[in-house]
N, C-alpha and C. Protein backbone atom coordinates (compact mmCIF):
# COMPACT_ATOMS: atom_id res chain seq x y z
N UNK A 1 142.51 64.74 87.13
CA UNK A 1 142.84 63.38 86.81
C UNK A 1 143.84 62.82 87.41
N UNK A 2 143.91 61.32 87.64
CA UNK A 2 145.24 60.96 87.96
C UNK A 2 145.19 59.68 87.40
N UNK A 3 146.22 59.60 86.59
CA UNK A 3 146.14 58.09 86.24
C UNK A 3 147.27 57.28 86.98
N UNK A 4 147.29 55.86 87.15
CA UNK A 4 147.69 54.96 87.70
C UNK A 4 149.08 54.69 86.73
N UNK A 5 148.90 54.64 85.65
CA UNK A 5 150.06 54.38 84.75
C UNK A 5 150.04 55.39 83.19
N UNK A 6 151.06 54.70 82.56
CA UNK A 6 151.37 55.32 81.09
C UNK A 6 150.19 55.11 80.51
N UNK A 7 149.63 53.98 80.20
CA UNK A 7 148.62 53.73 79.53
C UNK A 7 147.16 54.00 80.11
N UNK A 8 146.72 54.16 81.15
CA UNK A 8 145.68 54.68 81.77
C UNK A 8 145.44 56.11 81.58
N UNK A 9 146.89 57.05 81.58
CA UNK A 9 147.07 58.32 81.37
C UNK A 9 146.53 58.76 79.73
N UNK A 10 147.13 57.78 79.02
CA UNK A 10 146.70 57.75 77.44
C UNK A 10 145.47 58.08 77.31
N UNK A 11 144.47 56.77 78.11
CA UNK A 11 143.12 56.56 77.86
C UNK A 11 142.74 58.08 78.43
N UNK A 12 142.80 58.32 79.75
CA UNK A 12 142.22 59.33 80.06
C UNK A 12 142.49 60.98 79.36
N UNK A 13 143.67 60.99 78.56
CA UNK A 13 143.53 62.10 77.94
C UNK A 13 142.97 62.05 76.66
N UNK A 14 142.71 60.70 75.96
CA UNK A 14 141.83 60.46 74.75
C UNK A 14 140.39 60.84 75.00
N UNK A 15 139.71 60.44 76.43
CA UNK A 15 138.55 61.29 77.16
C UNK A 15 138.38 62.50 77.60
N UNK A 16 139.34 63.09 77.81
CA UNK A 16 139.18 64.06 78.51
C UNK A 16 139.89 65.65 77.62
N UNK A 17 140.78 65.30 76.91
CA UNK A 17 141.34 66.20 76.21
C UNK A 17 141.79 67.38 77.45
N UNK A 18 142.76 67.31 78.24
CA UNK A 18 143.18 68.12 79.06
C UNK A 18 144.08 69.54 78.18
N UNK A 19 143.90 70.67 79.10
CA UNK A 19 144.82 71.45 78.56
C UNK A 19 146.14 71.55 79.27
N UNK A 20 146.73 70.83 79.93
CA UNK A 20 147.93 70.67 80.37
C UNK A 20 147.93 69.03 80.94
N UNK A 21 149.00 68.46 80.66
CA UNK A 21 149.39 67.06 81.07
C UNK A 21 150.64 67.24 82.01
N UNK A 22 150.14 66.53 83.37
CA UNK A 22 151.61 66.31 83.87
C UNK A 22 151.79 64.91 84.09
N UNK A 23 153.04 64.41 84.05
CA UNK A 23 153.11 63.16 83.91
C UNK A 23 154.74 62.83 84.85
N UNK A 24 155.00 62.00 85.72
CA UNK A 24 155.83 61.37 86.32
C UNK A 24 157.01 60.50 85.65
N UNK A 25 158.07 60.86 85.61
CA UNK A 25 158.66 59.77 84.63
C UNK A 25 158.97 58.65 85.32
N UNK A 26 158.58 58.28 86.72
CA UNK A 26 158.70 56.87 87.30
C UNK A 26 157.17 56.38 87.67
N UNK A 27 156.38 55.78 86.27
CA UNK A 27 155.37 55.17 86.15
C UNK A 27 155.66 53.73 85.58
N UNK A 28 154.69 52.84 86.48
CA UNK A 28 154.62 51.44 86.01
C UNK A 28 154.10 51.30 84.31
N UNK A 29 154.59 50.36 84.09
CA UNK A 29 154.27 49.73 82.60
C UNK A 29 154.69 50.66 81.48
N UNK A 30 154.12 51.89 81.50
CA UNK A 30 154.70 53.01 80.75
C UNK A 30 155.07 53.95 80.89
N UNK A 31 156.91 54.37 81.26
CA UNK A 31 156.99 55.61 81.85
C UNK A 31 157.22 56.95 81.44
N UNK A 32 157.01 57.95 82.55
CA UNK A 32 156.49 59.24 81.68
C UNK A 32 157.42 59.42 80.39
N UNK A 33 158.54 59.41 80.12
CA UNK A 33 158.99 59.58 78.93
C UNK A 33 158.50 58.92 77.98
N UNK A 34 158.25 57.96 78.33
CA UNK A 34 157.73 57.21 77.09
C UNK A 34 156.06 57.70 76.91
N UNK A 35 155.39 57.79 77.71
CA UNK A 35 153.76 58.68 77.59
C UNK A 35 154.26 59.67 76.83
N UNK A 36 155.16 60.79 77.27
CA UNK A 36 154.93 61.96 76.38
C UNK A 36 155.36 61.81 75.26
N UNK A 37 156.55 60.96 74.76
CA UNK A 37 157.05 60.88 73.42
C UNK A 37 155.46 60.35 72.73
N UNK A 38 154.60 59.16 73.06
CA UNK A 38 153.63 58.93 72.72
C UNK A 38 152.61 60.07 72.16
N UNK A 39 152.59 61.04 73.31
CA UNK A 39 151.57 61.78 72.91
C UNK A 39 152.15 62.88 71.98
N UNK A 40 153.37 63.17 72.07
CA UNK A 40 153.65 64.15 71.33
C UNK A 40 154.12 63.76 69.76
N UNK A 41 153.93 62.43 69.29
CA UNK A 41 153.67 62.19 68.10
C UNK A 41 152.24 61.63 67.73
N UNK A 42 151.46 61.89 68.57
CA UNK A 42 149.98 62.01 68.37
C UNK A 42 149.59 63.49 67.51
N UNK A 43 149.20 63.31 66.52
CA UNK A 43 148.57 64.37 65.86
C UNK A 43 147.53 65.23 66.54
N UNK A 44 146.77 64.79 67.25
CA UNK A 44 145.55 65.22 67.65
C UNK A 44 145.84 65.54 69.11
N UNK A 45 146.91 65.30 69.93
CA UNK A 45 147.54 65.52 71.15
C UNK A 45 148.77 66.17 71.35
N UNK A 46 149.45 66.32 70.38
CA UNK A 46 150.79 66.86 70.43
C UNK A 46 151.15 68.33 70.76
N UNK A 47 149.89 69.08 70.89
CA UNK A 47 150.31 70.73 70.98
C UNK A 47 149.67 70.92 72.69
N UNK A 48 149.49 69.36 73.33
CA UNK A 48 149.02 69.97 74.50
C UNK A 48 150.45 69.78 75.35
N UNK A 49 150.65 70.72 76.26
CA UNK A 49 152.09 71.17 77.06
C UNK A 49 151.87 70.01 77.66
N UNK A 50 153.14 69.28 77.89
CA UNK A 50 153.36 67.99 78.90
C UNK A 50 154.29 68.96 79.60
N UNK A 51 154.37 68.34 81.28
CA UNK A 51 155.32 68.81 82.23
C UNK A 51 155.78 67.34 82.89
N UNK A 52 157.15 67.51 82.81
CA UNK A 52 157.71 66.13 83.44
C UNK A 52 157.64 66.66 85.05
N UNK A 53 157.53 65.47 86.07
CA UNK A 53 157.95 65.59 87.36
C UNK A 53 158.59 64.46 87.83
N UNK A 54 159.72 65.03 88.43
CA UNK A 54 160.58 63.78 88.68
C UNK A 54 161.28 64.14 90.06
N UNK A 55 161.80 63.33 90.59
CA UNK A 55 162.84 63.95 91.58
C UNK A 55 163.92 63.53 91.58
N UNK A 56 164.36 63.23 90.11
CA UNK A 56 165.52 63.19 89.49
C UNK A 56 166.13 64.30 89.00
N UNK A 57 167.13 65.05 89.11
CA UNK A 57 167.51 66.28 89.01
C UNK A 57 168.83 66.34 87.95
N UNK A 58 169.00 65.14 87.17
CA UNK A 58 170.36 65.41 86.49
C UNK A 58 170.03 65.99 85.08
N UNK A 59 171.19 66.09 84.56
CA UNK A 59 171.28 66.97 83.29
C UNK A 59 170.55 65.81 82.28
N UNK A 60 171.04 64.80 82.39
CA UNK A 60 170.52 63.53 81.37
C UNK A 60 169.06 63.34 81.44
N UNK A 61 168.72 63.63 82.97
CA UNK A 61 167.30 63.23 82.91
C UNK A 61 166.42 64.75 82.47
N UNK A 62 166.61 65.81 82.79
CA UNK A 62 166.40 66.96 81.98
C UNK A 62 166.24 66.83 80.32
N UNK A 63 167.36 66.86 79.94
CA UNK A 63 167.76 66.12 78.48
C UNK A 63 166.75 65.54 77.85
N UNK A 64 166.76 64.19 78.69
CA UNK A 64 165.98 63.45 77.84
C UNK A 64 164.34 63.96 77.79
N UNK A 65 163.79 64.28 78.84
CA UNK A 65 162.47 65.28 78.94
C UNK A 65 162.29 65.94 77.73
N UNK A 66 163.61 66.91 77.42
CA UNK A 66 163.18 67.86 76.39
C UNK A 66 163.21 67.03 75.11
N UNK A 67 164.12 65.92 74.76
CA UNK A 67 163.88 65.04 73.62
C UNK A 67 162.88 64.60 73.41
N UNK A 68 162.08 64.15 74.07
CA UNK A 68 160.70 63.36 73.90
C UNK A 68 159.33 64.52 73.70
N UNK A 69 159.82 65.96 74.18
CA UNK A 69 159.25 66.70 74.06
C UNK A 69 158.25 67.49 74.86
N UNK A 70 158.66 67.44 76.03
CA UNK A 70 158.05 68.11 77.44
C UNK A 70 158.54 69.45 77.15
N UNK A 71 157.76 70.34 77.49
CA UNK A 71 157.71 71.85 77.73
C UNK A 71 158.43 72.36 79.05
N UNK A 72 158.21 71.25 80.22
CA UNK A 72 159.18 71.65 81.17
C UNK A 72 159.27 70.46 82.16
N UNK A 73 160.34 70.71 82.93
CA UNK A 73 160.63 69.69 83.92
C UNK A 73 160.89 70.16 84.98
N UNK A 74 159.85 69.82 86.25
CA UNK A 74 159.86 70.11 87.62
C UNK A 74 160.48 68.96 88.42
N UNK A 75 161.21 69.42 89.06
CA UNK A 75 162.05 68.58 90.05
C UNK A 75 161.13 68.62 91.69
N UNK A 76 161.06 67.49 92.09
CA UNK A 76 160.60 67.30 93.32
C UNK A 76 161.48 67.37 94.55
N UNK A 77 161.21 67.99 95.72
CA UNK A 77 159.81 68.71 95.91
C UNK A 77 159.76 70.20 95.19
N UNK A 78 158.74 70.48 94.80
CA UNK A 78 158.54 71.93 94.01
C UNK A 78 157.33 72.26 94.98
N UNK A 79 157.49 73.94 94.85
CA UNK A 79 156.64 74.30 95.68
C UNK A 79 155.50 74.35 94.81
N UNK A 80 154.22 74.97 95.69
CA UNK A 80 153.27 75.20 95.28
C UNK A 80 153.19 76.26 94.14
N UNK A 81 153.97 77.23 94.51
CA UNK A 81 154.10 78.43 93.46
C UNK A 81 154.42 77.87 92.10
N UNK A 82 155.66 77.27 92.25
CA UNK A 82 156.31 76.45 90.89
C UNK A 82 154.88 75.90 90.39
N UNK A 83 154.32 74.84 90.81
CA UNK A 83 153.40 74.19 90.08
C UNK A 83 152.12 75.09 89.57
N UNK A 84 151.72 76.06 90.12
CA UNK A 84 150.58 76.76 90.04
C UNK A 84 151.15 78.16 88.79
N UNK A 85 152.80 78.05 88.72
CA UNK A 85 153.20 79.03 87.64
C UNK A 85 153.10 78.05 86.41
N UNK A 86 153.61 77.01 86.43
CA UNK A 86 153.97 75.82 85.24
C UNK A 86 151.87 76.11 84.91
N UNK A 87 151.24 75.85 85.66
CA UNK A 87 149.90 75.54 85.16
C UNK A 87 149.25 76.78 84.46
N UNK A 88 149.26 77.97 85.04
CA UNK A 88 149.32 79.30 84.68
C UNK A 88 150.11 79.26 82.85
N UNK A 89 151.20 79.05 82.96
CA UNK A 89 151.98 78.98 81.84
C UNK A 89 151.68 78.56 80.72
N UNK A 90 151.18 77.16 80.72
CA UNK A 90 150.94 76.19 79.85
C UNK A 90 149.26 76.17 79.70
N UNK A 91 148.54 76.42 80.37
CA UNK A 91 146.95 76.55 80.40
C UNK A 91 146.67 77.76 79.41
N UNK A 92 147.56 78.96 79.31
CA UNK A 92 147.46 80.04 78.85
C UNK A 92 147.68 79.83 77.52
N UNK A 93 148.56 79.12 77.15
CA UNK A 93 148.76 78.84 75.81
C UNK A 93 148.04 77.69 75.66
N UNK A 94 147.25 76.93 75.87
CA UNK A 94 146.49 75.93 75.54
C UNK A 94 145.05 76.52 75.11
N UNK A 95 144.56 77.45 75.74
CA UNK A 95 143.43 78.46 75.45
C UNK A 95 143.29 78.91 74.42
């Protein structure tokens, strides 16, 4: 599933209850950090792993991702193996 912004992502999460959530930090209306924070503060969805995706690789950006509750931060461009590894790692935890 693909969302156009953070609000759309929250609606899709409510409808589909995914095993893993990937959020780009640069989304319109509600950015990835805000979206992740809302997911992690929701009792129903807080245990779904959230992986942040970004072209920003700064220490502040990574720390902010951790502060809002993300499990992992992948910096673009990432390899297919990095992406599949994250899916395997966190989909197994959710199962």
